[in-house]
Amino acid sequence: TGDYLANLLLMGFARLVITHHTTFFINSLAHYWG
């Protein structure tokens, strides 16, 4: 696509942070709310 920075920000950092905390919510939030 010719845009390395955009993909590093989205596919690299944003994706990693979202994947981390959605997984962590199972250990935390899913034991508190529901």
PDB file of all heavy atoms in Angstrom:
ATOM      1  N   THR A   1       0.819  -1.223   0.000  1.00  0.00           N
ATOM      2  CA  THR A   1       0.000   0.000   0.000  1.00  0.00           C
ATOM      3  C   THR A   1       0.848   1.267   0.000  1.00  0.00           C
ATOM      4  O   THR A   1       0.329   2.355  -0.249  1.00  0.00           O
ATOM      5  CB  THR A   1      -0.921   0.019   1.232  1.00  0.00           C
ATOM      6  OG1 THR A   1      -0.121   0.014   2.428  1.00  0.00           O
ATOM      7  CG2 THR A   1      -1.850  -1.180   1.238  1.00  0.00           C
ATOM      8  N   GLY A   2       2.136   1.126   0.322  1.00  0.00           N
ATOM      9  CA  GLY A   2       3.014   2.281   0.356  1.00  0.00           C
ATOM     10  C   GLY A   2       2.923   3.101   1.627  1.00  0.00           C
ATOM     11  O   GLY A   2       3.450   4.220   1.688  1.00  0.00           O
ATOM     12  N   ASP A   3       2.261   2.591   2.661  1.00  0.00           N
ATOM     13  CA  ASP A   3       2.113   3.335   3.916  1.00  0.00           C
ATOM     14  C   ASP A   3       2.495   2.425   5.087  1.00  0.00           C
ATOM     15  O   ASP A   3       1.660   1.760   5.681  1.00  0.00           O
ATOM     16  CB  ASP A   3       0.677   3.835   4.071  1.00  0.00           C
ATOM     17  CG  ASP A   3       0.560   4.917   5.138  1.00  0.00           C
ATOM     18  OD1 ASP A   3       1.458   5.001   5.996  1.00  0.00           O
ATOM     19  OD2 ASP A   3      -0.429   5.679   5.116  1.00  0.00           O
ATOM     20  N   TYR A   4       3.767   2.405   5.409  1.00  0.00           N
ATOM     21  CA  TYR A   4       4.258   1.539   6.480  1.00  0.00           C
ATOM     22  C   TYR A   4       3.780   2.011   7.851  1.00  0.00           C
ATOM     23  O   TYR A   4       3.376   1.201   8.693  1.00  0.00           O
ATOM     24  CB  TYR A   4       5.799   1.502   6.467  1.00  0.00           C
ATOM     25  CG  TYR A   4       6.378   0.773   5.285  1.00  0.00           C
ATOM     26  CD1 TYR A   4       6.801   1.469   4.153  1.00  0.00           C
ATOM     27  CD2 TYR A   4       6.508  -0.619   5.299  1.00  0.00           C
ATOM     28  CE1 TYR A   4       7.345   0.803   3.064  1.00  0.00           C
ATOM     29  CE2 TYR A   4       7.059  -1.293   4.221  1.00  0.00           C
ATOM     30  CZ  TYR A   4       7.469  -0.583   3.106  1.00  0.00           C
ATOM     31  OH  TYR A   4       8.013  -1.255   2.033  1.00  0.00           O
ATOM     32  N   LEU A   5       3.825   3.299   8.106  1.00  0.00           N
ATOM     33  CA  LEU A   5       3.500   3.824   9.429  1.00  0.00           C
ATOM     34  C   LEU A   5       2.050   3.559   9.807  1.00  0.00           C
ATOM     35  O   LEU A   5       1.753   3.161  10.938  1.00  0.00           O
ATOM     36  CB  LEU A   5       3.792   5.322   9.499  1.00  0.00           C
ATOM     37  CG  LEU A   5       3.558   5.990  10.859  1.00  0.00           C
ATOM     38  CD1 LEU A   5       4.358   5.292  11.955  1.00  0.00           C
ATOM     39  CD2 LEU A   5       3.894   7.479  10.788  1.00  0.00           C
ATOM     40  N   ALA A   6       1.139   3.767   8.863  1.00  0.00           N
ATOM     41  CA  ALA A   6      -0.279   3.548   9.148  1.00  0.00           C
ATOM     42  C   ALA A   6      -0.535   2.108   9.566  1.00  0.00           C
ATOM     43  O   ALA A   6      -1.265   1.844  10.531  1.00  0.00           O
ATOM     44  CB  ALA A   6      -1.119   3.899   7.922  1.00  0.00           C
ATOM     45  N   ASN A   7       0.076   1.175   8.859  1.00  0.00           N
ATOM     46  CA  ASN A   7      -0.142  -0.235   9.168  1.00  0.00           C
ATOM     47  C   ASN A   7       0.570  -0.675  10.450  1.00  0.00           C
ATOM     48  O   ASN A   7       0.061  -1.530  11.175  1.00  0.00           O
ATOM     49  CB  ASN A   7       0.298  -1.098   7.978  1.00  0.00           C
ATOM     50  CG  ASN A   7      -0.656  -0.978   6.811  1.00  0.00           C
ATOM     51  OD1 ASN A   7      -1.751  -1.514   6.837  1.00  0.00           O
ATOM     52  ND2 ASN A   7      -0.254  -0.229   5.781  1.00  0.00           N
ATOM     53  N   LEU A   8       1.719  -0.082  10.729  1.00  0.00           N
ATOM     54  CA  LEU A   8       2.390  -0.385  11.999  1.00  0.00           C
ATOM     55  C   LEU A   8       1.555   0.116  13.180  1.00  0.00           C
ATOM     56  O   LEU A   8       1.440  -0.571  14.205  1.00  0.00           O
ATOM     57  CB  LEU A   8       3.774   0.254  12.033  1.00  0.00           C
ATOM     58  CG  LEU A   8       4.891  -0.500  11.314  1.00  0.00           C
ATOM     59  CD1 LEU A   8       6.158   0.347  11.270  1.00  0.00           C
ATOM     60  CD2 LEU A   8       5.171  -1.842  12.005  1.00  0.00           C
ATOM     61  N   LEU A   9       0.955   1.291  13.029  1.00  0.00           N
ATOM     62  CA  LEU A   9       0.141   1.835  14.113  1.00  0.00           C
ATOM     63  C   LEU A   9      -1.119   1.002  14.338  1.00  0.00           C
ATOM     64  O   LEU A   9      -1.470   0.693  15.489  1.00  0.00           O
ATOM     65  CB  LEU A   9      -0.238   3.284  13.813  1.00  0.00           C
ATOM     66  CG  LEU A   9       0.872   4.321  13.980  1.00  0.00           C
ATOM     67  CD1 LEU A   9       0.418   5.679  13.456  1.00  0.00           C
ATOM     68  CD2 LEU A   9       1.297   4.428  15.447  1.00  0.00           C
ATOM     69  N   LEU A  10      -1.797   0.648  13.246  1.00  0.00           N
ATOM     70  CA  LEU A  10      -3.051  -0.084  13.384  1.00  0.00           C
ATOM     71  C   LEU A  10      -2.824  -1.584  13.614  1.00  0.00           C
ATOM     72  O   LEU A  10      -3.259  -2.142  14.631  1.00  0.00           O
ATOM     73  CB  LEU A  10      -3.925   0.121  12.145  1.00  0.00           C
ATOM     74  CG  LEU A  10      -4.664   1.447  12.035  1.00  0.00           C
ATOM     75  CD1 LEU A  10      -5.508   1.482  10.771  1.00  0.00           C
ATOM     76  CD2 LEU A  10      -5.558   1.687  13.253  1.00  0.00           C
ATOM     77  N   MET A  11      -2.161  -2.244  12.670  1.00  0.00           N
ATOM     78  CA  MET A  11      -1.971  -3.693  12.769  1.00  0.00           C
ATOM     79  C   MET A  11      -0.983  -4.064  13.867  1.00  0.00           C
ATOM     80  O   MET A  11      -1.097  -5.154  14.462  1.00  0.00           O
ATOM     81  CB  MET A  11      -1.464  -4.250  11.432  1.00  0.00           C
ATOM     82  CG  MET A  11      -2.443  -4.136  10.292  1.00  0.00           C
ATOM     83  SD  MET A  11      -1.747  -4.821   8.769  1.00  0.00           S
ATOM     84  CE  MET A  11      -1.641  -6.569   9.182  1.00  0.00           C
ATOM     85  N   GLY A  12      -0.036  -3.166  14.140  1.00  0.00           N
ATOM     86  CA  GLY A  12       0.951  -3.468  15.156  1.00  0.00           C
ATOM     87  C   GLY A  12       0.482  -3.100  16.542  1.00  0.00           C
ATOM     88  O   GLY A  12       0.093  -3.955  17.340  1.00  0.00           O
ATOM     89  N   PHE A  13       0.444  -1.808  16.838  1.00  0.00           N
ATOM     90  CA  PHE A  13       0.208  -1.365  18.206  1.00  0.00           C
ATOM     91  C   PHE A  13      -1.267  -1.384  18.622  1.00  0.00           C
ATOM     92  O   PHE A  13      -1.603  -1.908  19.685  1.00  0.00           O
ATOM     93  CB  PHE A  13       0.809   0.033  18.388  1.00  0.00           C
ATOM     94  CG  PHE A  13       2.302   0.040  18.286  1.00  0.00           C
ATOM     95  CD1 PHE A  13       2.929   0.450  17.115  1.00  0.00           C
ATOM     96  CD2 PHE A  13       3.084  -0.391  19.338  1.00  0.00           C
ATOM     97  CE1 PHE A  13       4.315   0.447  17.012  1.00  0.00           C
ATOM     98  CE2 PHE A  13       4.469  -0.397  19.247  1.00  0.00           C
ATOM     99  CZ  PHE A  13       5.088   0.017  18.083  1.00  0.00           C
ATOM    100  N   ALA A  14      -2.148  -0.797  17.821  1.00  0.00           N
ATOM    101  CA  ALA A  14      -3.569  -0.762  18.205  1.00  0.00           C
ATOM    102  C   ALA A  14      -4.132  -2.175  18.314  1.00  0.00           C
ATOM    103  O   ALA A  14      -4.836  -2.500  19.279  1.00  0.00           O
ATOM    104  CB  ALA A  14      -4.361   0.052  17.185  1.00  0.00           C
ATOM    105  N   ARG A  15      -3.835  -3.017  17.347  1.00  0.00           N
ATOM    106  CA  ARG A  15      -4.325  -4.393  17.373  1.00  0.00           C
ATOM    107  C   ARG A  15      -3.814  -5.148  18.592  1.00  0.00           C
ATOM    108  O   ARG A  15      -4.561  -5.882  19.251  1.00  0.00           O
ATOM    109  CB  ARG A  15      -3.887  -5.091  16.071  1.00  0.00           C
ATOM    110  CG  ARG A  15      -4.390  -6.519  15.881  1.00  0.00           C
ATOM    111  CD  ARG A  15      -3.467  -7.572  16.456  1.00  0.00           C
ATOM    112  NE  ARG A  15      -2.080  -7.306  16.142  1.00  0.00           N
ATOM    113  CZ  ARG A  15      -1.077  -7.933  16.733  1.00  0.00           C
ATOM    114  NH1 ARG A  15      -1.306  -8.842  17.665  1.00  0.00           N
ATOM    115  NH2 ARG A  15       0.182  -7.633  16.411  1.00  0.00           N
ATOM    116  N   LEU A  16      -2.538  -4.953  18.929  1.00  0.00           N
ATOM    117  CA  LEU A  16      -1.952  -5.660  20.064  1.00  0.00           C
ATOM    118  C   LEU A  16      -2.605  -5.231  21.372  1.00  0.00           C
ATOM    119  O   LEU A  16      -2.949  -6.071  22.219  1.00  0.00           O
ATOM    120  CB  LEU A  16      -0.448  -5.407  20.121  1.00  0.00           C
ATOM    121  CG  LEU A  16       0.333  -6.174  21.193  1.00  0.00           C
ATOM    122  CD1 LEU A  16       0.164  -7.672  21.010  1.00  0.00           C
ATOM    123  CD2 LEU A  16       1.799  -5.788  21.155  1.00  0.00           C
ATOM    124  N   VAL A  17      -2.806  -3.932  21.555  1.00  0.00           N
ATOM    125  CA  VAL A  17      -3.422  -3.426  22.785  1.00  0.00           C
ATOM    126  C   VAL A  17      -4.858  -3.925  22.920  1.00  0.00           C
ATOM    127  O   VAL A  17      -5.285  -4.364  23.998  1.00  0.00           O
ATOM    128  CB  VAL A  17      -3.377  -1.881  22.817  1.00  0.00           C
ATOM    129  CG1 VAL A  17      -4.222  -1.338  23.964  1.00  0.00           C
ATOM    130  CG2 VAL A  17      -1.940  -1.405  22.945  1.00  0.00           C
ATOM    131  N   ILE A  18      -5.609  -3.884  21.830  1.00  0.00           N
ATOM    132  CA  ILE A  18      -7.003  -4.354  21.864  1.00  0.00           C
ATOM    133  C   ILE A  18      -7.052  -5.846  22.182  1.00  0.00           C
ATOM    134  O   ILE A  18      -7.848  -6.289  23.023  1.00  0.00           O
ATOM    135  CB  ILE A  18      -7.708  -4.057  20.527  1.00  0.00           C
ATOM    136  CG1 ILE A  18      -7.890  -2.555  20.359  1.00  0.00           C
ATOM    137  CG2 ILE A  18      -9.060  -4.767  20.461  1.00  0.00           C
ATOM    138  CD1 ILE A  18      -8.379  -2.148  18.981  1.00  0.00           C
ATOM    139  N   THR A  19      -6.203  -6.634  21.533  1.00  0.00           N
ATOM    140  CA  THR A  19      -6.183  -8.071  21.782  1.00  0.00           C
ATOM    141  C   THR A  19      -5.800  -8.375  23.222  1.00  0.00           C
ATOM    142  O   THR A  19      -6.379  -9.267  23.856  1.00  0.00           O
ATOM    143  CB  THR A  19      -5.197  -8.772  20.829  1.00  0.00           C
ATOM    144  OG1 THR A  19      -5.564  -8.488  19.484  1.00  0.00           O
ATOM    145  CG2 THR A  19      -5.230 -10.288  21.034  1.00  0.00           C
ATOM    146  N   HIS A  20      -4.830  -7.637  23.747  1.00  0.00           N
ATOM    147  CA  HIS A  20      -4.440  -7.827  25.147  1.00  0.00           C
ATOM    148  C   HIS A  20      -5.626  -7.625  26.082  1.00  0.00           C
ATOM    149  O   HIS A  20      -5.982  -8.516  26.861  1.00  0.00           O
ATOM    150  CB  HIS A  20      -3.333  -6.842  25.525  1.00  0.00           C
ATOM    151  CG  HIS A  20      -1.959  -7.336  25.216  1.00  0.00           C
ATOM    152  ND1 HIS A  20      -0.854  -6.516  25.187  1.00  0.00           N
ATOM    153  CD2 HIS A  20      -1.488  -8.582  24.927  1.00  0.00           C
ATOM    154  CE1 HIS A  20       0.226  -7.215  24.897  1.00  0.00           C
ATOM    155  NE2 HIS A  20      -0.142  -8.469  24.724  1.00  0.00           N
ATOM    156  N   HIS A  21      -6.235  -6.469  26.008  1.00  0.00           N
ATOM    157  CA  HIS A  21      -7.221  -6.117  27.020  1.00  0.00           C
ATOM    158  C   HIS A  21      -8.562  -6.824  26.838  1.00  0.00           C
ATOM    159  O   HIS A  21      -9.270  -7.047  27.829  1.00  0.00           O
ATOM    160  CB  HIS A  21      -7.385  -4.600  27.088  1.00  0.00           C
ATOM    161  CG  HIS A  21      -6.188  -3.933  27.678  1.00  0.00           C
ATOM    162  ND1 HIS A  21      -5.946  -3.876  29.032  1.00  0.00           N
ATOM    163  CD2 HIS A  21      -5.111  -3.334  27.086  1.00  0.00           C
ATOM    164  CE1 HIS A  21      -4.803  -3.264  29.259  1.00  0.00           C
ATOM    165  NE2 HIS A  21      -4.264  -2.917  28.100  1.00  0.00           N
ATOM    166  N   THR A  22      -8.913  -7.205  25.619  1.00  0.00           N
ATOM    167  CA  THR A  22     -10.129  -8.011  25.465  1.00  0.00           C
ATOM    168  C   THR A  22      -9.930  -9.393  26.076  1.00  0.00           C
ATOM    169  O   THR A  22     -10.845  -9.951  26.695  1.00  0.00           O
ATOM    170  CB  THR A  22     -10.534  -8.138  23.983  1.00  0.00           C
ATOM    171  OG1 THR A  22      -9.412  -8.578  23.205  1.00  0.00           O
ATOM    172  CG2 THR A  22     -11.038  -6.816  23.445  1.00  0.00           C
ATOM    173  N   THR A  23      -8.740  -9.948  25.927  1.00  0.00           N
ATOM    174  CA  THR A  23      -8.444 -11.222  26.590  1.00  0.00           C
ATOM    175  C   THR A  23      -8.440 -11.049  28.101  1.00  0.00           C
ATOM    176  O   THR A  23      -9.014 -11.873  28.835  1.00  0.00           O
ATOM    177  CB  THR A  23      -7.073 -11.765  26.140  1.00  0.00           C
ATOM    178  OG1 THR A  23      -7.066 -11.938  24.724  1.00  0.00           O
ATOM    179  CG2 THR A  23      -6.778 -13.108  26.800  1.00  0.00           C
ATOM    180  N   PHE A  24      -7.826  -9.976  28.579  1.00  0.00           N
ATOM    181  CA  PHE A  24      -7.747  -9.754  30.023  1.00  0.00           C
ATOM    182  C   PHE A  24      -9.124  -9.524  30.636  1.00  0.00           C
ATOM    183  O   PHE A  24      -9.338  -9.832  31.822  1.00  0.00           O
ATOM    184  CB  PHE A  24      -6.846  -8.544  30.328  1.00  0.00           C
ATOM    185  CG  PHE A  24      -5.440  -8.661  29.804  1.00  0.00           C
ATOM    186  CD1 PHE A  24      -4.623  -7.531  29.701  1.00  0.00           C
ATOM    187  CD2 PHE A  24      -4.917  -9.890  29.403  1.00  0.00           C
ATOM    188  CE1 PHE A  24      -3.322  -7.631  29.224  1.00  0.00           C
ATOM    189  CE2 PHE A  24      -3.628  -9.996  28.912  1.00  0.00           C
ATOM    190  CZ  PHE A  24      -2.822  -8.866  28.823  1.00  0.00           C
ATOM    191  N   PHE A  25     -10.065  -8.971  29.848  1.00  0.00           N
ATOM    192  CA  PHE A  25     -11.419  -8.746  30.369  1.00  0.00           C
ATOM    193  C   PHE A  25     -12.105 -10.055  30.770  1.00  0.00           C
ATOM    194  O   PHE A  25     -12.980 -10.048  31.641  1.00  0.00           O
ATOM    195  CB  PHE A  25     -12.282  -8.014  29.337  1.00  0.00           C
ATOM    196  CG  PHE A  25     -12.123  -6.516  29.379  1.00  0.00           C
ATOM    197  CD1 PHE A  25     -12.077  -5.784  28.200  1.00  0.00           C
ATOM    198  CD2 PHE A  25     -12.019  -5.849  30.585  1.00  0.00           C
ATOM    199  CE1 PHE A  25     -11.931  -4.399  28.241  1.00  0.00           C
ATOM    200  CE2 PHE A  25     -11.869  -4.463  30.633  1.00  0.00           C
ATOM    201  CZ  PHE A  25     -11.820  -3.738  29.450  1.00  0.00           C
ATOM    202  N   ILE A  26     -11.717 -11.148  30.152  1.00  0.00           N
ATOM    203  CA  ILE A  26     -12.306 -12.440  30.525  1.00  0.00           C
ATOM    204  C   ILE A  26     -11.876 -12.812  31.937  1.00  0.00           C
ATOM    205  O   ILE A  26     -12.648 -13.379  32.709  1.00  0.00           O
ATOM    206  CB  ILE A  26     -11.891 -13.542  29.526  1.00  0.00           C
ATOM    207  CG1 ILE A  26     -12.372 -13.176  28.128  1.00  0.00           C
ATOM    208  CG2 ILE A  26     -12.476 -14.890  29.938  1.00  0.00           C
ATOM    209  CD1 ILE A  26     -13.853 -12.949  28.024  1.00  0.00           C
ATOM    210  N   ASN A  27     -10.634 -12.504  32.284  1.00  0.00           N
ATOM    211  CA  ASN A  27     -10.141 -12.811  33.623  1.00  0.00           C
ATOM    212  C   ASN A  27     -10.690 -11.856  34.674  1.00  0.00           C
ATOM    213  O   ASN A  27     -10.795 -12.220  35.847  1.00  0.00           O
ATOM    214  CB  ASN A  27      -8.610 -12.735  33.654  1.00  0.00           C
ATOM    215  CG  ASN A  27      -7.965 -13.667  32.653  1.00  0.00           C
ATOM    216  OD1 ASN A  27      -8.528 -14.685  32.287  1.00  0.00           O
ATOM    217  ND2 ASN A  27      -6.765 -13.308  32.203  1.00  0.00           N
ATOM    218  N   SER A  28     -11.023 -10.652  34.265  1.00  0.00           N
ATOM    219  CA  SER A  28     -11.453  -9.632  35.225  1.00  0.00           C
ATOM    220  C   SER A  28     -12.944  -9.338  35.121  1.00  0.00           C
ATOM    221  O   SER A  28     -13.739  -9.776  35.972  1.00  0.00           O
ATOM    222  CB  SER A  28     -10.648  -8.345  35.013  1.00  0.00           C
ATOM    223  OG  SER A  28     -10.777  -7.866  33.675  1.00  0.00           O
ATOM    224  N   LEU A  29     -13.352  -8.625  34.083  1.00  0.00           N
ATOM    225  CA  LEU A  29     -14.732  -8.152  33.968  1.00  0.00           C
ATOM    226  C   LEU A  29     -15.739  -9.296  33.945  1.00  0.00           C
ATOM    227  O   LEU A  29     -16.837  -9.184  34.516  1.00  0.00           O
ATOM    228  CB  LEU A  29     -14.868  -7.297  32.703  1.00  0.00           C
ATOM    229  CG  LEU A  29     -16.111  -6.407  32.600  1.00  0.00           C
ATOM    230  CD1 LEU A  29     -16.189  -5.444  33.769  1.00  0.00           C
ATOM    231  CD2 LEU A  29     -16.100  -5.643  31.286  1.00  0.00           C
ATOM    232  N   ALA A  30     -15.397 -10.404  33.290  1.00  0.00           N
ATOM    233  CA  ALA A  30     -16.322 -11.542  33.210  1.00  0.00           C
ATOM    234  C   ALA A  30     -16.460 -12.276  34.541  1.00  0.00           C
ATOM    235  O   ALA A  30     -17.260 -13.204  34.649  1.00  0.00           O
ATOM    236  CB  ALA A  30     -15.865 -12.520  32.122  1.00  0.00           C
ATOM    237  N   HIS A  31     -15.697 -11.862  35.542  1.00  0.00           N
ATOM    238  CA  HIS A  31     -15.862 -12.407  36.898  1.00  0.00           C
ATOM    239  C   HIS A  31     -16.531 -11.388  37.819  1.00  0.00           C
ATOM    240  O   HIS A  31     -16.701 -11.645  39.012  1.00  0.00           O
ATOM    241  CB  HIS A  31     -14.504 -12.810  37.479  1.00  0.00           C
ATOM    242  CG  HIS A  31     -14.005 -14.120  36.962  1.00  0.00           C
ATOM    243  ND1 HIS A  31     -14.177 -15.309  37.637  1.00  0.00           N
ATOM    244  CD2 HIS A  31     -13.347 -14.434  35.819  1.00  0.00           C
ATOM    245  CE1 HIS A  31     -13.627 -16.293  36.946  1.00  0.00           C
ATOM    246  NE2 HIS A  31     -13.127 -15.781  35.834  1.00  0.00           N
ATOM    247  N   TYR A  32     -16.916 -10.228  37.259  1.00  0.00           N
ATOM    248  CA  TYR A  32     -17.536  -9.169  38.054  1.00  0.00           C
ATOM    249  C   TYR A  32     -18.948  -8.810  37.585  1.00  0.00           C
ATOM    250  O   TYR A  32     -19.800  -8.448  38.388  1.00  0.00           O
ATOM    251  CB  TYR A  32     -16.674  -7.896  37.993  1.00  0.00           C
ATOM    252  CG  TYR A  32     -15.549  -7.864  38.982  1.00  0.00           C
ATOM    253  CD1 TYR A  32     -14.370  -8.551  38.721  1.00  0.00           C
ATOM    254  CD2 TYR A  32     -15.650  -7.152  40.178  1.00  0.00           C
ATOM    255  CE1 TYR A  32     -13.321  -8.531  39.622  1.00  0.00           C
ATOM    256  CE2 TYR A  32     -14.606  -7.128  41.088  1.00  0.00           C
ATOM    257  CZ  TYR A  32     -13.440  -7.823  40.807  1.00  0.00           C
ATOM    258  OH  TYR A  32     -12.402  -7.814  41.705  1.00  0.00           O
ATOM    259  N   TRP A  33     -19.179  -8.865  36.288  1.00  0.00           N
ATOM    260  CA  TRP A  33     -20.385  -8.254  35.717  1.00  0.00           C
ATOM    261  C   TRP A  33     -21.135  -9.272  34.883  1.00  0.00           C
ATOM    262  O   TRP A  33     -20.596  -9.800  33.913  1.00  0.00           O
ATOM    263  CB  TRP A  33     -19.952  -7.047  34.871  1.00  0.00           C
ATOM    264  CG  TRP A  33     -21.067  -6.313  34.190  1.00  0.00           C
ATOM    265  CD1 TRP A  33     -22.347  -6.164  34.636  1.00  0.00           C
ATOM    266  CD2 TRP A  33     -20.993  -5.620  32.943  1.00  0.00           C
ATOM    267  NE1 TRP A  33     -23.079  -5.425  33.751  1.00  0.00           N
ATOM    268  CE2 TRP A  33     -22.274  -5.075  32.696  1.00  0.00           C
ATOM    269  CE3 TRP A  33     -19.966  -5.405  32.012  1.00  0.00           C
ATOM    270  CZ2 TRP A  33     -22.556  -4.334  31.551  1.00  0.00           C
ATOM    271  CZ3 TRP A  33     -20.257  -4.662  30.887  1.00  0.00           C
ATOM    272  CH2 TRP A  33     -21.529  -4.133  30.662  1.00  0.00           C
ATOM    273  N   GLY A  34     -22.382  -9.564  35.267  1.00  0.00           N
ATOM    274  CA  GLY A  34     -23.191 -10.479  34.475  1.00  0.00           C
ATOM    275  C   GLY A  34     -24.083 -11.368  35.330  1.00  0.00           C
ATOM    276  O   GLY A  34     -24.311 -11.113  36.521  1.00  0.00           O
TER     277      GLY A  34
END
